mmCIF file of all heavy atoms, coordinates in Angstrom:
data_MODEL
# 
_entry.id   MODEL 
# 
loop_
_atom_site.group_PDB 
_atom_site.id 
_atom_site.type_symbol 
_atom_site.label_atom_id 
_atom_site.label_alt_id 
_atom_site.label_comp_id 
_atom_site.label_asym_id 
_atom_site.label_entity_id 
_atom_site.label_seq_id 
_atom_site.pdbx_PDB_ins_code 
_atom_site.Cartn_x 
_atom_site.Cartn_y 
_atom_site.Cartn_z 
_atom_site.occupancy 
_atom_site.B_iso_or_equiv 
_atom_site.pdbx_formal_charge 
_atom_site.auth_seq_id 
_atom_site.auth_comp_id 
_atom_site.auth_asym_id 
_atom_site.auth_atom_id 
_atom_site.pdbx_PDB_model_num 
ATOM 1   N N   . GLN A 1 1  ? 130.608 121.279 204.350 1.00 0.00 ? 1  GLN A N   1 
ATOM 2   C CA  . GLN A 1 1  ? 130.667 120.191 203.372 1.00 0.00 ? 1  GLN A CA  1 
ATOM 3   C C   . GLN A 1 1  ? 129.390 119.358 203.414 1.00 0.00 ? 1  GLN A C   1 
ATOM 4   O O   . GLN A 1 1  ? 128.815 119.022 202.372 1.00 0.00 ? 1  GLN A O   1 
ATOM 5   C CB  . GLN A 1 1  ? 131.870 119.294 203.670 1.00 0.00 ? 1  GLN A CB  1 
ATOM 6   C CG  . GLN A 1 1  ? 133.210 119.940 203.425 1.00 0.00 ? 1  GLN A CG  1 
ATOM 7   C CD  . GLN A 1 1  ? 134.338 119.035 203.901 1.00 0.00 ? 1  GLN A CD  1 
ATOM 8   O OE1 . GLN A 1 1  ? 134.520 117.932 203.408 1.00 0.00 ? 1  GLN A OE1 1 
ATOM 9   N NE2 . GLN A 1 1  ? 135.092 119.495 204.899 1.00 0.00 ? 1  GLN A NE2 1 
ATOM 10  N N   . ARG A 1 2  ? 128.933 119.048 204.625 1.00 0.00 ? 2  ARG A N   1 
ATOM 11  C CA  . ARG A 1 2  ? 127.725 118.240 204.768 1.00 0.00 ? 2  ARG A CA  1 
ATOM 12  C C   . ARG A 1 2  ? 126.495 118.996 204.236 1.00 0.00 ? 2  ARG A C   1 
ATOM 13  O O   . ARG A 1 2  ? 125.612 118.396 203.608 1.00 0.00 ? 2  ARG A O   1 
ATOM 14  C CB  . ARG A 1 2  ? 127.523 117.853 206.238 1.00 0.00 ? 2  ARG A CB  1 
ATOM 15  C CG  . ARG A 1 2  ? 126.401 116.856 206.461 1.00 0.00 ? 2  ARG A CG  1 
ATOM 16  C CD  . ARG A 1 2  ? 126.516 116.188 207.817 1.00 0.00 ? 2  ARG A CD  1 
ATOM 17  N NE  . ARG A 1 2  ? 126.550 117.164 208.913 1.00 0.00 ? 2  ARG A NE  1 
ATOM 18  C CZ  . ARG A 1 2  ? 127.628 117.416 209.650 1.00 0.00 ? 2  ARG A CZ  1 
ATOM 19  N NH1 . ARG A 1 2  ? 128.757 116.772 209.408 1.00 0.00 ? 2  ARG A NH1 1 
ATOM 20  N NH2 . ARG A 1 2  ? 127.581 118.300 210.635 1.00 0.00 ? 2  ARG A NH2 1 
ATOM 21  N N   . THR A 1 3  ? 126.469 120.287 204.468 1.00 0.00 ? 3  THR A N   1 
ATOM 22  C CA  . THR A 1 3  ? 125.357 121.102 203.972 1.00 0.00 ? 3  THR A CA  1 
ATOM 23  C C   . THR A 1 3  ? 125.285 121.044 202.447 1.00 0.00 ? 3  THR A C   1 
ATOM 24  O O   . THR A 1 3  ? 124.202 120.892 201.864 1.00 0.00 ? 3  THR A O   1 
ATOM 25  C CB  . THR A 1 3  ? 125.529 122.566 204.428 1.00 0.00 ? 3  THR A CB  1 
ATOM 26  O OG1 . THR A 1 3  ? 125.517 122.600 205.860 1.00 0.00 ? 3  THR A OG1 1 
ATOM 27  C CG2 . THR A 1 3  ? 124.412 123.442 203.897 1.00 0.00 ? 3  THR A CG2 1 
ATOM 28  N N   . ILE A 1 4  ? 126.443 121.151 201.791 1.00 0.00 ? 4  ILE A N   1 
ATOM 29  C CA  . ILE A 1 4  ? 126.492 121.060 200.331 1.00 0.00 ? 4  ILE A CA  1 
ATOM 30  C C   . ILE A 1 4  ? 126.058 119.669 199.866 1.00 0.00 ? 4  ILE A C   1 
ATOM 31  O O   . ILE A 1 4  ? 125.286 119.525 198.907 1.00 0.00 ? 4  ILE A O   1 
ATOM 32  C CB  . ILE A 1 4  ? 127.918 121.366 199.816 1.00 0.00 ? 4  ILE A CB  1 
ATOM 33  C CG1 . ILE A 1 4  ? 128.292 122.832 200.089 1.00 0.00 ? 4  ILE A CG1 1 
ATOM 34  C CG2 . ILE A 1 4  ? 128.055 121.019 198.333 1.00 0.00 ? 4  ILE A CG2 1 
ATOM 35  C CD1 . ILE A 1 4  ? 127.493 123.839 199.330 1.00 0.00 ? 4  ILE A CD1 1 
ATOM 36  N N   . GLU A 1 5  ? 126.525 118.650 200.539 1.00 0.00 ? 5  GLU A N   1 
ATOM 37  C CA  . GLU A 1 5  ? 126.236 117.274 200.136 1.00 0.00 ? 5  GLU A CA  1 
ATOM 38  C C   . GLU A 1 5  ? 124.760 116.928 200.276 1.00 0.00 ? 5  GLU A C   1 
ATOM 39  O O   . GLU A 1 5  ? 124.254 116.051 199.559 1.00 0.00 ? 5  GLU A O   1 
ATOM 40  C CB  . GLU A 1 5  ? 127.096 116.308 200.961 1.00 0.00 ? 5  GLU A CB  1 
ATOM 41  C CG  . GLU A 1 5  ? 128.577 116.375 200.595 1.00 0.00 ? 5  GLU A CG  1 
ATOM 42  C CD  . GLU A 1 5  ? 129.484 115.744 201.638 1.00 0.00 ? 5  GLU A CD  1 
ATOM 43  O OE1 . GLU A 1 5  ? 128.938 115.186 202.624 1.00 0.00 ? 5  GLU A OE1 1 
ATOM 44  O OE2 . GLU A 1 5  ? 130.717 115.817 201.488 1.00 0.00 ? 5  GLU A OE2 1 
ATOM 45  N N   . GLU A 1 6  ? 124.046 117.612 201.170 1.00 0.00 ? 6  GLU A N   1 
ATOM 46  C CA  . GLU A 1 6  ? 122.621 117.337 201.391 1.00 0.00 ? 6  GLU A CA  1 
ATOM 47  C C   . GLU A 1 6  ? 121.711 118.186 200.513 1.00 0.00 ? 6  GLU A C   1 
ATOM 48  O O   . GLU A 1 6  ? 120.503 117.964 200.468 1.00 0.00 ? 6  GLU A O   1 
ATOM 49  C CB  . GLU A 1 6  ? 122.283 117.568 202.863 1.00 0.00 ? 6  GLU A CB  1 
ATOM 50  C CG  . GLU A 1 6  ? 122.949 116.566 203.814 1.00 0.00 ? 6  GLU A CG  1 
ATOM 51  C CD  . GLU A 1 6  ? 122.753 116.931 205.283 1.00 0.00 ? 6  GLU A CD  1 
ATOM 52  O OE1 . GLU A 1 6  ? 122.228 118.025 205.556 1.00 0.00 ? 6  GLU A OE1 1 
ATOM 53  O OE2 . GLU A 1 6  ? 123.132 116.105 206.133 1.00 0.00 ? 6  GLU A OE2 1 
ATOM 54  N N   . ALA A 1 7  ? 122.280 119.145 199.791 1.00 0.00 ? 7  ALA A N   1 
ATOM 55  C CA  . ALA A 1 7  ? 121.482 120.071 198.994 1.00 0.00 ? 7  ALA A CA  1 
ATOM 56  C C   . ALA A 1 7  ? 120.964 119.417 197.719 1.00 0.00 ? 7  ALA A C   1 
ATOM 57  O O   . ALA A 1 7  ? 121.592 118.514 197.158 1.00 0.00 ? 7  ALA A O   1 
ATOM 58  C CB  . ALA A 1 7  ? 122.317 121.295 198.637 1.00 0.00 ? 7  ALA A CB  1 
ATOM 59  N N   . THR A 1 8  ? 119.804 119.881 197.255 1.00 0.00 ? 8  THR A N   1 
ATOM 60  C CA  . THR A 1 8  ? 119.318 119.519 195.914 1.00 0.00 ? 8  THR A CA  1 
ATOM 61  C C   . THR A 1 8  ? 119.461 120.698 194.957 1.00 0.00 ? 8  THR A C   1 
ATOM 62  O O   . THR A 1 8  ? 119.350 120.520 193.741 1.00 0.00 ? 8  THR A O   1 
ATOM 63  C CB  . THR A 1 8  ? 117.846 119.077 195.951 1.00 0.00 ? 8  THR A CB  1 
ATOM 64  O OG1 . THR A 1 8  ? 117.022 120.175 196.345 1.00 0.00 ? 8  THR A OG1 1 
ATOM 65  C CG2 . THR A 1 8  ? 117.652 117.919 196.927 1.00 0.00 ? 8  THR A CG2 1 
ATOM 66  N N   . GLY A 1 9  ? 119.676 121.890 195.502 1.00 0.00 ? 9  GLY A N   1 
ATOM 67  C CA  . GLY A 1 9  ? 119.905 123.078 194.687 1.00 0.00 ? 9  GLY A CA  1 
ATOM 68  C C   . GLY A 1 9  ? 120.813 124.046 195.428 1.00 0.00 ? 9  GLY A C   1 
ATOM 69  O O   . GLY A 1 9  ? 120.639 124.264 196.631 1.00 0.00 ? 9  GLY A O   1 
ATOM 70  N N   . ILE A 1 10 ? 121.797 124.613 194.723 1.00 0.00 ? 10 ILE A N   1 
ATOM 71  C CA  . ILE A 1 10 ? 122.757 125.536 195.332 1.00 0.00 ? 10 ILE A CA  1 
ATOM 72  C C   . ILE A 1 10 ? 122.728 126.826 194.534 1.00 0.00 ? 10 ILE A C   1 
ATOM 73  O O   . ILE A 1 10 ? 122.815 126.808 193.300 1.00 0.00 ? 10 ILE A O   1 
ATOM 74  C CB  . ILE A 1 10 ? 124.173 124.927 195.336 1.00 0.00 ? 10 ILE A CB  1 
ATOM 75  C CG1 . ILE A 1 10 ? 124.185 123.637 196.160 1.00 0.00 ? 10 ILE A CG1 1 
ATOM 76  C CG2 . ILE A 1 10 ? 125.195 125.931 195.885 1.00 0.00 ? 10 ILE A CG2 1 
ATOM 77  C CD1 . ILE A 1 10 ? 125.397 122.756 195.915 1.00 0.00 ? 10 ILE A CD1 1 
ATOM 78  N N   . PHE A 1 11 ? 122.623 127.959 195.232 1.00 0.00 ? 11 PHE A N   1 
ATOM 79  C CA  . PHE A 1 11 ? 122.436 129.252 194.570 1.00 0.00 ? 11 PHE A CA  1 
ATOM 80  C C   . PHE A 1 11 ? 123.504 130.244 195.022 1.00 0.00 ? 11 PHE A C   1 
ATOM 81  O O   . PHE A 1 11 ? 123.580 130.592 196.203 1.00 0.00 ? 11 PHE A O   1 
ATOM 82  C CB  . PHE A 1 11 ? 121.048 129.813 194.893 1.00 0.00 ? 11 PHE A CB  1 
ATOM 83  C CG  . PHE A 1 11 ? 120.662 131.008 194.074 1.00 0.00 ? 11 PHE A CG  1 
ATOM 84  C CD1 . PHE A 1 11 ? 119.914 130.864 192.908 1.00 0.00 ? 11 PHE A CD1 1 
ATOM 85  C CD2 . PHE A 1 11 ? 121.039 132.293 194.454 1.00 0.00 ? 11 PHE A CD2 1 
ATOM 86  C CE1 . PHE A 1 11 ? 119.557 131.963 192.145 1.00 0.00 ? 11 PHE A CE1 1 
ATOM 87  C CE2 . PHE A 1 11 ? 120.691 133.398 193.703 1.00 0.00 ? 11 PHE A CE2 1 
ATOM 88  C CZ  . PHE A 1 11 ? 119.950 133.231 192.538 1.00 0.00 ? 11 PHE A CZ  1 
ATOM 89  N N   . PHE A 1 12 ? 124.338 130.693 194.075 1.00 0.00 ? 12 PHE A N   1 
ATOM 90  C CA  . PHE A 1 12 ? 125.344 131.720 194.341 1.00 0.00 ? 12 PHE A CA  1 
ATOM 91  C C   . PHE A 1 12 ? 124.782 133.095 194.000 1.00 0.00 ? 12 PHE A C   1 
ATOM 92  O O   . PHE A 1 12 ? 124.289 133.311 192.887 1.00 0.00 ? 12 PHE A O   1 
ATOM 93  C CB  . PHE A 1 12 ? 126.605 131.476 193.499 1.00 0.00 ? 12 PHE A CB  1 
ATOM 94  C CG  . PHE A 1 12 ? 127.483 130.377 194.004 1.00 0.00 ? 12 PHE A CG  1 
ATOM 95  C CD1 . PHE A 1 12 ? 127.273 129.060 193.618 1.00 0.00 ? 12 PHE A CD1 1 
ATOM 96  C CD2 . PHE A 1 12 ? 128.533 130.656 194.873 1.00 0.00 ? 12 PHE A CD2 1 
ATOM 97  C CE1 . PHE A 1 12 ? 128.093 128.040 194.081 1.00 0.00 ? 12 PHE A CE1 1 
ATOM 98  C CE2 . PHE A 1 12 ? 129.361 129.638 195.345 1.00 0.00 ? 12 PHE A CE2 1 
ATOM 99  C CZ  . PHE A 1 12 ? 129.137 128.332 194.953 1.00 0.00 ? 12 PHE A CZ  1 
ATOM 100 N N   . THR A 1 13 ? 124.894 134.025 194.935 1.00 0.00 ? 13 THR A N   1 
ATOM 101 C CA  . THR A 1 13 ? 124.385 135.380 194.713 1.00 0.00 ? 13 THR A CA  1 
ATOM 102 C C   . THR A 1 13 ? 125.415 136.233 193.979 1.00 0.00 ? 13 THR A C   1 
ATOM 103 O O   . THR A 1 13 ? 126.525 135.796 193.688 1.00 0.00 ? 13 THR A O   1 
ATOM 104 C CB  . THR A 1 13 ? 124.044 136.058 196.048 1.00 0.00 ? 13 THR A CB  1 
ATOM 105 O OG1 . THR A 1 13 ? 125.275 136.388 196.730 1.00 0.00 ? 13 THR A OG1 1 
ATOM 106 C CG2 . THR A 1 13 ? 123.200 135.167 196.932 1.00 0.00 ? 13 THR A CG2 1 
ATOM 107 N N   . GLY A 1 14 ? 125.032 137.482 193.703 1.00 0.00 ? 14 GLY A N   1 
ATOM 108 C CA  . GLY A 1 14 ? 125.933 138.428 193.073 1.00 0.00 ? 14 GLY A CA  1 
ATOM 109 C C   . GLY A 1 14 ? 126.889 139.061 194.070 1.00 0.00 ? 14 GLY A C   1 
ATOM 110 O O   . GLY A 1 14 ? 126.835 138.800 195.276 1.00 0.00 ? 14 GLY A O   1 
ATOM 111 N N   . GLY A 1 15 ? 127.775 139.894 193.538 1.00 0.00 ? 15 GLY A N   1 
ATOM 112 C CA  . GLY A 1 15 ? 128.772 140.570 194.362 1.00 0.00 ? 15 GLY A CA  1 
ATOM 113 C C   . GLY A 1 15 ? 130.087 140.666 193.618 1.00 0.00 ? 15 GLY A C   1 
ATOM 114 O O   . GLY A 1 15 ? 130.162 141.233 192.532 1.00 0.00 ? 15 GLY A O   1 
ATOM 115 N N   . ASP A 1 16 ? 131.120 140.051 194.163 1.00 0.00 ? 16 ASP A N   1 
ATOM 116 C CA  . ASP A 1 16 ? 132.459 140.057 193.570 1.00 0.00 ? 16 ASP A CA  1 
ATOM 117 C C   . ASP A 1 16 ? 132.878 138.610 193.320 1.00 0.00 ? 16 ASP A C   1 
ATOM 118 O O   . ASP A 1 16 ? 133.108 137.851 194.269 1.00 0.00 ? 16 ASP A O   1 
ATOM 119 C CB  . ASP A 1 16 ? 133.448 140.746 194.529 1.00 0.00 ? 16 ASP A CB  1 
ATOM 120 C CG  . ASP A 1 16 ? 134.873 140.762 194.009 1.00 0.00 ? 16 ASP A CG  1 
ATOM 121 O OD1 . ASP A 1 16 ? 135.134 140.185 192.932 1.00 0.00 ? 16 ASP A OD1 1 
ATOM 122 O OD2 . ASP A 1 16 ? 135.742 141.338 194.694 1.00 0.00 ? 16 ASP A OD2 1 
ATOM 123 N N   . GLN A 1 17 ? 132.986 138.228 192.052 1.00 0.00 ? 17 GLN A N   1 
ATOM 124 C CA  . GLN A 1 17 ? 133.282 136.838 191.722 1.00 0.00 ? 17 GLN A CA  1 
ATOM 125 C C   . GLN A 1 17 ? 134.650 136.376 192.214 1.00 0.00 ? 17 GLN A C   1 
ATOM 126 O O   . GLN A 1 17 ? 134.858 135.183 192.483 1.00 0.00 ? 17 GLN A O   1 
ATOM 127 C CB  . GLN A 1 17 ? 133.157 136.582 190.214 1.00 0.00 ? 17 GLN A CB  1 
ATOM 128 C CG  . GLN A 1 17 ? 133.936 137.511 189.312 1.00 0.00 ? 17 GLN A CG  1 
ATOM 129 C CD  . GLN A 1 17 ? 133.090 138.668 188.816 1.00 0.00 ? 17 GLN A CD  1 
ATOM 130 O OE1 . GLN A 1 17 ? 132.337 139.270 189.584 1.00 0.00 ? 17 GLN A OE1 1 
ATOM 131 N NE2 . GLN A 1 17 ? 133.200 138.974 187.536 1.00 0.00 ? 17 GLN A NE2 1 
ATOM 132 N N   . LEU A 1 18 ? 135.578 137.308 192.370 1.00 0.00 ? 18 LEU A N   1 
ATOM 133 C CA  . LEU A 1 18 ? 136.904 136.919 192.848 1.00 0.00 ? 18 LEU A CA  1 
ATOM 134 C C   . LEU A 1 18 ? 136.844 136.449 194.302 1.00 0.00 ? 18 LEU A C   1 
ATOM 135 O O   . LEU A 1 18 ? 137.665 135.633 194.728 1.00 0.00 ? 18 LEU A O   1 
ATOM 136 C CB  . LEU A 1 18 ? 137.882 138.080 192.700 1.00 0.00 ? 18 LEU A CB  1 
ATOM 137 C CG  . LEU A 1 18 ? 139.379 137.742 192.772 1.00 0.00 ? 18 LEU A CG  1 
ATOM 138 C CD1 . LEU A 1 18 ? 139.743 136.664 191.762 1.00 0.00 ? 18 LEU A CD1 1 
ATOM 139 C CD2 . LEU A 1 18 ? 140.222 138.989 192.549 1.00 0.00 ? 18 LEU A CD2 1 
ATOM 140 N N   . LYS A 1 19 ? 135.860 136.929 195.074 1.00 0.00 ? 19 LYS A N   1 
ATOM 141 C CA  . LYS A 1 19 ? 135.689 136.444 196.439 1.00 0.00 ? 19 LYS A CA  1 
ATOM 142 C C   . LYS A 1 19 ? 135.304 134.966 196.440 1.00 0.00 ? 19 LYS A C   1 
ATOM 143 O O   . LYS A 1 19 ? 135.745 134.201 197.300 1.00 0.00 ? 19 LYS A O   1 
ATOM 144 C CB  . LYS A 1 19 ? 134.620 137.272 197.171 1.00 0.00 ? 19 LYS A CB  1 
ATOM 145 C CG  . LYS A 1 19 ? 135.067 138.661 197.573 1.00 0.00 ? 19 LYS A CG  1 
ATOM 146 C CD  . LYS A 1 19 ? 133.958 139.400 198.311 1.00 0.00 ? 19 LYS A CD  1 
ATOM 147 C CE  . LYS A 1 19 ? 133.637 138.771 199.655 1.00 0.00 ? 19 LYS A CE  1 
ATOM 148 N NZ  . LYS A 1 19 ? 132.583 139.514 200.388 1.00 0.00 ? 19 LYS A NZ  1 
ATOM 149 N N   . ILE A 1 20 ? 134.498 134.573 195.473 1.00 0.00 ? 20 ILE A N   1 
ATOM 150 C CA  . ILE A 1 20 ? 134.076 133.170 195.415 1.00 0.00 ? 20 ILE A CA  1 
ATOM 151 C C   . ILE A 1 20 ? 135.277 132.265 195.206 1.00 0.00 ? 20 ILE A C   1 
ATOM 152 O O   . ILE A 1 20 ? 135.499 131.303 195.950 1.00 0.00 ? 20 ILE A O   1 
ATOM 153 C CB  . ILE A 1 20 ? 133.043 132.958 194.289 1.00 0.00 ? 20 ILE A CB  1 
ATOM 154 C CG1 . ILE A 1 20 ? 131.766 133.763 194.567 1.00 0.00 ? 20 ILE A CG1 1 
ATOM 155 C CG2 . ILE A 1 20 ? 132.716 131.466 194.140 1.00 0.00 ? 20 ILE A CG2 1 
ATOM 156 C CD1 . ILE A 1 20 ? 130.755 133.721 193.426 1.00 0.00 ? 20 ILE A CD1 1 
ATOM 157 N N   . THR A 1 21 ? 136.062 132.570 194.178 1.00 0.00 ? 21 THR A N   1 
ATOM 158 C CA  . THR A 1 21 ? 137.177 131.677 193.846 1.00 0.00 ? 21 THR A CA  1 
ATOM 159 C C   . THR A 1 21 ? 138.325 131.770 194.852 1.00 0.00 ? 21 THR A C   1 
ATOM 160 O O   . THR A 1 21 ? 138.963 130.768 195.159 1.00 0.00 ? 21 THR A O   1 
ATOM 161 C CB  . THR A 1 21 ? 137.701 131.971 192.435 1.00 0.00 ? 21 THR A CB  1 
ATOM 162 O OG1 . THR A 1 21 ? 138.044 133.361 192.327 1.00 0.00 ? 21 THR A OG1 1 
ATOM 163 C CG2 . THR A 1 21 ? 136.647 131.635 191.397 1.00 0.00 ? 21 THR A CG2 1 
ATOM 164 N N   . SER A 1 22 ? 138.584 132.966 195.380 1.00 0.00 ? 22 SER A N   1 
ATOM 165 C CA  . SER A 1 22 ? 139.706 133.103 196.314 1.00 0.00 ? 22 SER A CA  1 
ATOM 166 C C   . SER A 1 22 ? 139.406 132.467 197.666 1.00 0.00 ? 22 SER A C   1 
ATOM 167 O O   . SER A 1 22 ? 140.317 131.987 198.349 1.00 0.00 ? 22 SER A O   1 
ATOM 168 C CB  . SER A 1 22 ? 140.078 134.584 196.499 1.00 0.00 ? 22 SER A CB  1 
ATOM 169 O OG  . SER A 1 22 ? 139.005 135.308 197.071 1.00 0.00 ? 22 SER A OG  1 
ATOM 170 N N   . LEU A 1 23 ? 138.134 132.428 198.064 1.00 0.00 ? 23 LEU A N   1 
ATOM 171 C CA  . LEU A 1 23 ? 137.774 131.816 199.339 1.00 0.00 ? 23 LEU A CA  1 
ATOM 172 C C   . LEU A 1 23 ? 137.509 130.318 199.207 1.00 0.00 ? 23 LEU A C   1 
ATOM 173 O O   . LEU A 1 23 ? 137.800 129.545 200.122 1.00 0.00 ? 23 LEU A O   1 
ATOM 174 C CB  . LEU A 1 23 ? 136.542 132.505 199.935 1.00 0.00 ? 23 LEU A CB  1 
ATOM 175 C CG  . LEU A 1 23 ? 136.713 133.971 200.343 1.00 0.00 ? 23 LEU A CG  1 
ATOM 176 C CD1 . LEU A 1 23 ? 135.421 134.503 200.947 1.00 0.00 ? 23 LEU A CD1 1 
ATOM 177 C CD2 . LEU A 1 23 ? 137.860 134.135 201.344 1.00 0.00 ? 23 LEU A CD2 1 
ATOM 178 N N   . LEU A 1 24 ? 136.965 129.902 198.069 1.00 0.00 ? 24 LEU A N   1 
ATOM 179 C CA  . LEU A 1 24 ? 136.569 128.497 197.920 1.00 0.00 ? 24 LEU A CA  1 
ATOM 180 C C   . LEU A 1 24 ? 137.564 127.640 197.153 1.00 0.00 ? 24 LEU A C   1 
ATOM 181 O O   . LEU A 1 24 ? 137.609 126.421 197.342 1.00 0.00 ? 24 LEU A O   1 
ATOM 182 C CB  . LEU A 1 24 ? 135.215 128.413 197.199 1.00 0.00 ? 24 LEU A CB  1 
ATOM 183 C CG  . LEU A 1 24 ? 133.974 128.812 197.991 1.00 0.00 ? 24 LEU A CG  1 
ATOM 184 C CD1 . LEU A 1 24 ? 132.751 128.738 197.106 1.00 0.00 ? 24 LEU A CD1 1 
ATOM 185 C CD2 . LEU A 1 24 ? 133.800 127.922 199.199 1.00 0.00 ? 24 LEU A CD2 1 
ATOM 186 N N   . GLY A 1 25 ? 138.337 128.242 196.268 1.00 0.00 ? 25 GLY A N   1 
ATOM 187 C CA  . GLY A 1 25 ? 139.166 127.478 195.348 1.00 0.00 ? 25 GLY A CA  1 
ATOM 188 C C   . GLY A 1 25 ? 140.063 126.452 196.033 1.00 0.00 ? 25 GLY A C   1 
ATOM 189 O O   . GLY A 1 25 ? 140.896 126.794 196.869 1.00 0.00 ? 25 GLY A O   1 
# 
């Protein structure tokens, strides 16, 4: 959480989009 809060840019790579939402949602 702190890493995200300190970022000025966040970059999501390719792969399987369902992994993003199922792990982070």
